[in-house]
Amino acid sequence: MSTTEYTKVYYGNFILVTRIKNELEASGIVPIIKDEGESQRLAGYASLNQGYQEVFVHNDELTKAMGIINRLKAEMEAS
């Protein structure tokens, strides 16, 4: 079993991921954005998840990041 120092905290479209990324960075968290659809496109393959991205954060910042993401999700659902 492989271990990683990063955990996926969100999966969504480019616009929502950008908002979450900006909020995390404003709090001093440096997220990693993974875009499998773009990687597949660049490699010449078709993609079913075009436009969707994953947000990963370091495990040391996971608790703080989840608090921010849960707040943003609540705000988006309330809108």
Protein backbone atom coordinates (compact mmCIF):
# COMPACT_ATOMS: atom_id res chain seq x y z
CA MET A 1 0.00 0.00 0.00
CA SER A 2 1.42 3.37 -0.95
CA THR A 3 1.35 6.28 1.44
CA THR A 4 1.15 9.88 0.47
CA GLU A 5 1.62 13.16 2.26
CA TYR A 6 -1.36 14.72 0.46
CA THR A 7 -5.10 14.16 0.70
CA LYS A 8 -7.79 15.00 -1.85
CA VAL A 9 -10.15 17.51 -0.26
CA TYR A 10 -12.34 18.59 -3.17
CA TYR A 11 -13.39 17.61 -6.69
CA GLY A 12 -15.33 19.97 -8.92
CA ASN A 13 -15.40 22.25 -11.92
CA PHE A 14 -12.73 24.81 -12.72
CA ILE A 15 -14.65 27.80 -11.32
CA LEU A 16 -15.36 26.23 -7.92
CA VAL A 17 -11.84 24.81 -7.67
CA THR A 18 -10.39 28.25 -8.40
CA ARG A 19 -12.46 29.79 -5.61
CA ILE A 20 -11.37 27.11 -3.15
CA LYS A 21 -7.74 27.44 -4.26
CA ASN A 22 -7.82 31.21 -3.70
CA GLU A 23 -9.34 30.85 -0.22
CA LEU A 24 -6.81 28.20 0.78
CA GLU A 25 -3.90 30.30 -0.47
CA ALA A 26 -5.24 33.34 1.40
CA SER A 27 -5.03 31.22 4.58
CA GLY A 28 -1.44 30.21 3.90
CA ILE A 29 -2.24 26.75 2.52
CA VAL A 30 -0.64 25.79 -0.80
CA PRO A 31 -3.00 23.37 -2.58
CA ILE A 32 -2.09 21.08 -5.46
CA ILE A 33 -4.55 21.10 -8.35
CA LYS A 34 -4.77 17.95 -10.44
CA ASP A 35 -6.52 18.10 -13.82
CA GLU A 36 -6.68 14.57 -15.27
CA GLY A 37 -8.82 15.73 -18.19
CA GLU A 38 -6.20 18.22 -19.32
CA SER A 39 -3.42 15.68 -18.87
CA GLN A 40 -5.34 13.17 -20.99
CA ARG A 41 -6.06 15.79 -23.64
CA LEU A 42 -2.39 16.74 -23.87
CA ALA A 43 -1.48 13.07 -24.23
CA GLY A 44 -3.96 12.67 -27.09
CA TYR A 45 -6.66 10.73 -25.26
CA ALA A 46 -10.35 11.49 -24.86
CA SER A 47 -11.53 12.42 -21.39
CA LEU A 48 -14.88 11.94 -19.71
CA ASN A 49 -14.15 14.38 -16.91
CA GLN A 50 -13.07 17.40 -18.96
CA GLY A 51 -13.23 20.59 -16.91
CA TYR A 52 -13.16 18.86 -13.51
CA GLN A 53 -10.22 19.15 -11.18
CA GLU A 54 -9.10 17.73 -7.86
CA VAL A 55 -7.69 19.74 -4.96
CA PHE A 56 -5.08 18.16 -2.69
CA VAL A 57 -3.53 19.58 0.48
CA HIS A 58 -0.66 18.43 2.66
CA ASN A 59 -1.79 16.23 5.54
CA ASP A 60 -0.34 18.72 8.05
CA GLU A 61 -2.84 21.33 6.79
CA LEU A 62 -5.81 18.99 6.34
CA THR A 63 -7.87 20.09 9.37
CA LYS A 64 -7.51 23.79 8.57
CA ALA A 65 -8.25 23.19 4.87
CA MET A 66 -11.39 21.15 5.58
CA GLY A 67 -12.74 23.95 7.77
CA ILE A 68 -12.31 26.41 4.91
CA ILE A 69 -13.80 24.04 2.32
CA ASN A 70 -16.81 23.20 4.49
CA ARG A 71 -17.47 26.91 5.01
CA LEU A 72 -17.27 27.56 1.26
CA LYS A 73 -19.55 24.62 0.47
CA ALA A 74 -22.14 25.96 2.93
CA GLU A 75 -21.92 29.41 1.33
CA MET A 76 -22.34 27.95 -2.18
CA GLU A 77 -25.32 25.83 -1.13
CA ALA A 78 -26.97 28.84 0.55
CA SER A 79 -26.72 30.90 -2.65
